Amino acid sequence: MMPKEIRDYHIQALVQLARRSGAGDARPISAKDIRVKEELARFCRDPQCDQYGLAAGCPPHVSGPAGFRKLQTEYTEALVIKIDVPTGVLFSDERRGIMKLLHEGVAAVEQAAVRMGYKRSRGFAGGSCKPLFCFEDADCRVVSGRGGCRHPLSARPSMSGFGIDVGELMRVAGWSGEMADSETDSEMTWVAGLVLIG
């Protein structure tokens, strides 16, 4: 276990990296404060998300809430990453670029944490990786059994598939947990990611 002052220094360096990677902000939280709900993971299946079953980072190919809760017990700290987005952009053709930026930023923070000595660090991001990185490919190579991930340094599993309560995650980090939708008149909204540090 690293001394607290070194760990704090590393966490702040990861926050700065997240910001340099396109995040509006990033904040450390206790891993035990991440809330997981079965019903949130079920939304991937019913009503069925159009990406259901298409990527290795989405249900039914992930361990779901039970798997995340078990994983969560192995960590003490996490970093929540937020990208502020104009609502109109999130519900436009520009969405893909924003979500890709989120996955890449989360992956960069995870990989930096690993290089710092937190070898078990794991990142999760909003949304499926398939339409972001493999949108031109007929299938996910992992799901089809024809090989490894085409984008292992960028694509991260979807938080939704694990039942992570992202609104509560935002509140725990000290931000508003309300996310705008295409019907609201809010000018700004957000997308989020999470890195378990350990």
Protein backbone atom coordinates (compact mmCIF):
# COMPACT_ATOMS: atom_id res chain seq x y z
CA MET A 1 0.00 0.00 0.00
CA MET A 2 1.38 3.38 -1.01
CA PRO A 3 1.72 6.11 1.62
CA LYS A 4 -1.30 8.45 1.71
CA GLU A 5 0.65 11.52 0.58
CA ILE A 6 1.93 9.70 -2.52
CA ARG A 7 -1.53 8.30 -3.26
CA ASP A 8 -3.07 11.78 -2.92
CA TYR A 9 -0.43 13.17 -5.28
CA HIS A 10 -1.18 10.43 -7.80
CA ILE A 11 -4.94 11.02 -7.59
CA GLN A 12 -4.46 14.73 -8.27
CA ALA A 13 -2.21 13.89 -11.23
CA LEU A 14 -4.98 11.64 -12.59
CA VAL A 15 -7.53 14.43 -12.14
CA GLN A 16 -5.29 16.75 -14.15
CA LEU A 17 -4.84 14.10 -16.84
CA ALA A 18 -8.61 13.66 -17.11
CA ARG A 19 -8.99 17.40 -17.63
CA ARG A 20 -6.24 17.46 -20.26
CA SER A 21 -7.98 14.54 -21.98
CA GLY A 22 -11.17 16.55 -22.47
CA ALA A 23 -13.05 16.20 -19.20
CA GLY A 24 -14.67 19.25 -17.65
CA ASP A 25 -13.77 17.83 -14.26
CA ALA A 26 -12.81 14.69 -12.36
CA ARG A 27 -13.18 13.95 -8.67
CA PRO A 28 -12.07 11.16 -6.36
CA ILE A 29 -14.70 9.30 -4.35
CA SER A 30 -14.76 6.27 -2.09
CA ALA A 31 -15.38 3.11 -4.10
CA LYS A 32 -17.92 2.00 -1.49
CA ASP A 33 -20.09 5.02 -2.40
CA ILE A 34 -20.77 3.73 -5.92
CA ARG A 35 -24.42 2.62 -6.01
CA VAL A 36 -25.44 -0.31 -8.19
CA LYS A 37 -29.05 -1.22 -9.00
CA GLU A 38 -30.34 -4.35 -10.71
CA GLU A 39 -33.15 -2.47 -12.45
CA LEU A 40 -30.72 -0.08 -14.16
CA ALA A 41 -28.86 -2.97 -15.79
CA ARG A 42 -32.21 -4.51 -16.85
CA PHE A 43 -32.97 -1.38 -18.91
CA CYS A 44 -30.29 -2.56 -21.36
CA ARG A 45 -32.51 -5.54 -22.13
CA ASP A 46 -36.05 -4.20 -21.58
CA PRO A 47 -36.72 -1.93 -23.32
CA GLN A 48 -33.87 -3.35 -25.34
CA CYS A 49 -31.02 -0.96 -26.16
CA ASP A 50 -30.17 -1.04 -29.85
CA GLN A 51 -26.62 -2.06 -28.86
CA TYR A 52 -27.71 -4.96 -26.61
CA GLY A 53 -25.51 -7.99 -27.21
CA LEU A 54 -23.36 -6.32 -29.86
CA ALA A 55 -20.22 -5.51 -27.82
CA ALA A 56 -18.07 -7.31 -25.28
CA GLY A 57 -18.46 -4.31 -22.93
CA CYS A 58 -22.28 -4.53 -22.87
CA PRO A 59 -24.86 -7.01 -21.57
CA PRO A 60 -25.22 -9.91 -21.74
CA HIS A 61 -21.42 -10.16 -22.11
CA VAL A 62 -20.54 -8.41 -18.82
CA SER A 63 -20.90 -9.67 -15.25
CA GLY A 64 -23.65 -7.16 -14.44
CA PRO A 65 -24.50 -5.70 -11.02
CA ALA A 66 -23.44 -8.83 -9.11
CA GLY A 67 -20.06 -8.85 -10.82
CA PHE A 68 -19.53 -5.15 -10.22
CA ARG A 69 -20.44 -5.42 -6.51
CA LYS A 70 -17.89 -8.20 -6.10
CA LEU A 71 -15.27 -6.15 -7.96
CA GLN A 72 -16.12 -3.07 -5.90
CA THR A 73 -15.10 -4.80 -2.66
CA GLU A 74 -11.51 -4.98 -3.96
CA TYR A 75 -11.12 -1.18 -4.25
CA THR A 76 -11.11 1.74 -1.84
CA GLU A 77 -10.95 4.65 -4.27
CA ALA A 78 -12.42 5.68 -7.60
CA LEU A 79 -12.29 8.67 -9.91
CA VAL A 80 -15.47 10.04 -11.49
CA ILE A 81 -14.92 11.79 -14.82
CA LYS A 82 -17.41 14.24 -16.31
CA ILE A 83 -17.57 15.90 -19.72
CA ASP A 84 -19.95 18.85 -19.98
CA VAL A 85 -21.81 18.85 -23.29
CA PRO A 86 -24.30 21.21 -24.92
CA THR A 87 -27.61 19.31 -24.91
CA GLY A 88 -28.10 19.88 -28.64
CA VAL A 89 -24.72 18.28 -29.37
CA LEU A 90 -25.47 15.17 -27.30
CA PHE A 91 -28.66 14.58 -29.27
CA SER A 92 -27.09 15.17 -32.68
CA ASP A 93 -24.68 13.48 -35.06
CA GLU A 94 -21.85 14.91 -32.94
CA ARG A 95 -22.72 12.50 -30.09
CA ARG A 96 -20.34 9.85 -31.41
CA GLY A 97 -17.34 12.18 -31.09
CA ILE A 98 -18.25 13.13 -27.50
CA MET A 99 -18.75 9.54 -26.40
CA LYS A 100 -15.53 8.47 -28.10
CA LEU A 101 -13.70 11.27 -26.25
CA LEU A 102 -15.19 9.98 -22.98
CA HIS A 103 -14.03 6.39 -23.57
CA GLU A 104 -10.57 7.53 -24.62
CA GLY A 105 -10.25 9.84 -21.59
CA VAL A 106 -11.32 7.12 -19.16
CA ALA A 107 -8.90 4.68 -20.81
CA ALA A 108 -6.05 7.22 -20.56
CA VAL A 109 -6.67 7.73 -16.84
CA GLU A 110 -6.88 3.97 -16.24
CA GLN A 111 -3.63 3.34 -18.10
CA ALA A 112 -1.85 6.17 -16.26
CA ALA A 113 -3.02 4.73 -12.92
CA VAL A 114 -1.60 1.34 -13.93
CA ARG A 115 1.76 2.95 -14.79
CA MET A 116 1.77 4.65 -11.37
CA GLY A 117 1.61 1.24 -9.73
CA TYR A 118 -2.18 0.76 -9.35
CA LYS A 119 -2.06 -2.35 -11.52
CA ARG A 120 -5.69 -3.40 -11.04
CA SER A 121 -7.24 -0.07 -12.08
CA ARG A 122 -10.29 -0.48 -14.31
CA GLY A 123 -12.24 2.05 -16.33
CA PHE A 124 -15.93 2.18 -17.29
CA ALA A 125 -17.67 4.70 -19.52
CA GLY A 126 -21.15 5.73 -20.58
CA GLY A 127 -22.51 4.08 -23.69
CA SER A 128 -21.56 1.11 -25.82
CA CYS A 129 -18.15 1.01 -27.49
CA LYS A 130 -19.47 -0.67 -30.68
CA PRO A 131 -20.94 2.46 -32.38
CA LEU A 132 -17.91 4.50 -31.34
CA PHE A 133 -14.98 2.38 -32.47
CA CYS A 134 -16.36 -0.44 -34.61
CA PHE A 135 -19.33 1.25 -36.29
CA GLU A 136 -18.04 0.23 -39.74
CA ASP A 137 -17.48 -3.39 -38.72
CA ALA A 138 -20.23 -5.99 -38.95
CA ASP A 139 -19.53 -7.34 -35.48
CA CYS A 140 -17.41 -7.15 -32.36
CA ARG A 141 -14.55 -9.62 -32.77
CA VAL A 142 -14.75 -10.61 -29.10
CA VAL A 143 -18.50 -11.34 -29.27
CA SER A 144 -18.17 -13.21 -32.57
CA GLY A 145 -15.25 -15.25 -31.21
CA ARG A 146 -13.00 -14.19 -34.08
CA GLY A 147 -10.31 -12.45 -32.03
CA GLY A 148 -9.50 -9.81 -29.46
CA CYS A 149 -10.83 -6.29 -29.18
CA ARG A 150 -9.87 -4.02 -32.08
CA HIS A 151 -9.49 -1.03 -29.74
CA PRO A 152 -8.25 -2.31 -26.34
CA LEU A 153 -6.49 0.97 -25.53
CA SER A 154 -9.63 3.07 -26.03
CA ALA A 155 -12.88 1.14 -25.61
CA ARG A 156 -14.20 0.61 -22.09
CA PRO A 157 -17.20 -1.35 -20.73
CA SER A 158 -20.52 0.45 -20.38
CA MET A 159 -21.49 1.56 -16.86
CA SER A 160 -25.15 0.83 -17.66
CA GLY A 161 -24.52 -2.87 -18.10
CA PHE A 162 -23.24 -3.08 -14.53
CA GLY A 163 -26.22 -1.20 -13.10
CA ILE A 164 -24.11 1.75 -11.92
CA ASP A 165 -26.41 4.57 -10.80
CA VAL A 166 -24.69 7.34 -12.73
CA GLY A 167 -26.96 10.10 -11.40
CA GLU A 168 -26.07 9.12 -7.84
CA LEU A 169 -22.40 8.81 -8.84
CA MET A 170 -22.50 12.43 -9.99
CA ARG A 171 -24.13 13.57 -6.74
CA VAL A 172 -21.53 11.70 -4.66
CA ALA A 173 -18.84 13.54 -6.65
CA GLY A 174 -20.52 16.85 -5.80
CA TRP A 175 -22.24 17.63 -9.12
CA SER A 176 -25.86 17.70 -10.21
CA GLY A 177 -27.13 14.23 -10.97
CA GLU A 178 -29.82 15.49 -13.34
CA MET A 179 -29.15 14.68 -16.96
CA ALA A 180 -30.95 16.61 -19.67
CA ASP A 181 -32.83 14.79 -22.39
CA SER A 182 -33.96 15.82 -25.85
CA GLU A 183 -37.24 17.16 -24.38
CA THR A 184 -35.71 19.54 -21.84
CA ASP A 185 -34.78 23.13 -22.42
CA SER A 186 -31.52 22.81 -20.48
CA GLU A 187 -28.61 24.15 -22.52
CA MET A 188 -25.99 21.87 -20.98
CA THR A 189 -25.82 18.27 -19.87
CA TRP A 190 -23.01 15.77 -19.20
CA VAL A 191 -21.63 12.32 -19.90
CA ALA A 192 -19.60 10.43 -17.32
CA GLY A 193 -17.04 7.73 -16.75
CA LEU A 194 -15.49 5.97 -13.79
CA VAL A 195 -12.08 4.53 -12.96
CA LEU A 196 -11.62 2.16 -10.04
CA ILE A 197 -8.14 2.85 -8.66
CA GLY A 198 -6.23 -0.05 -7.20
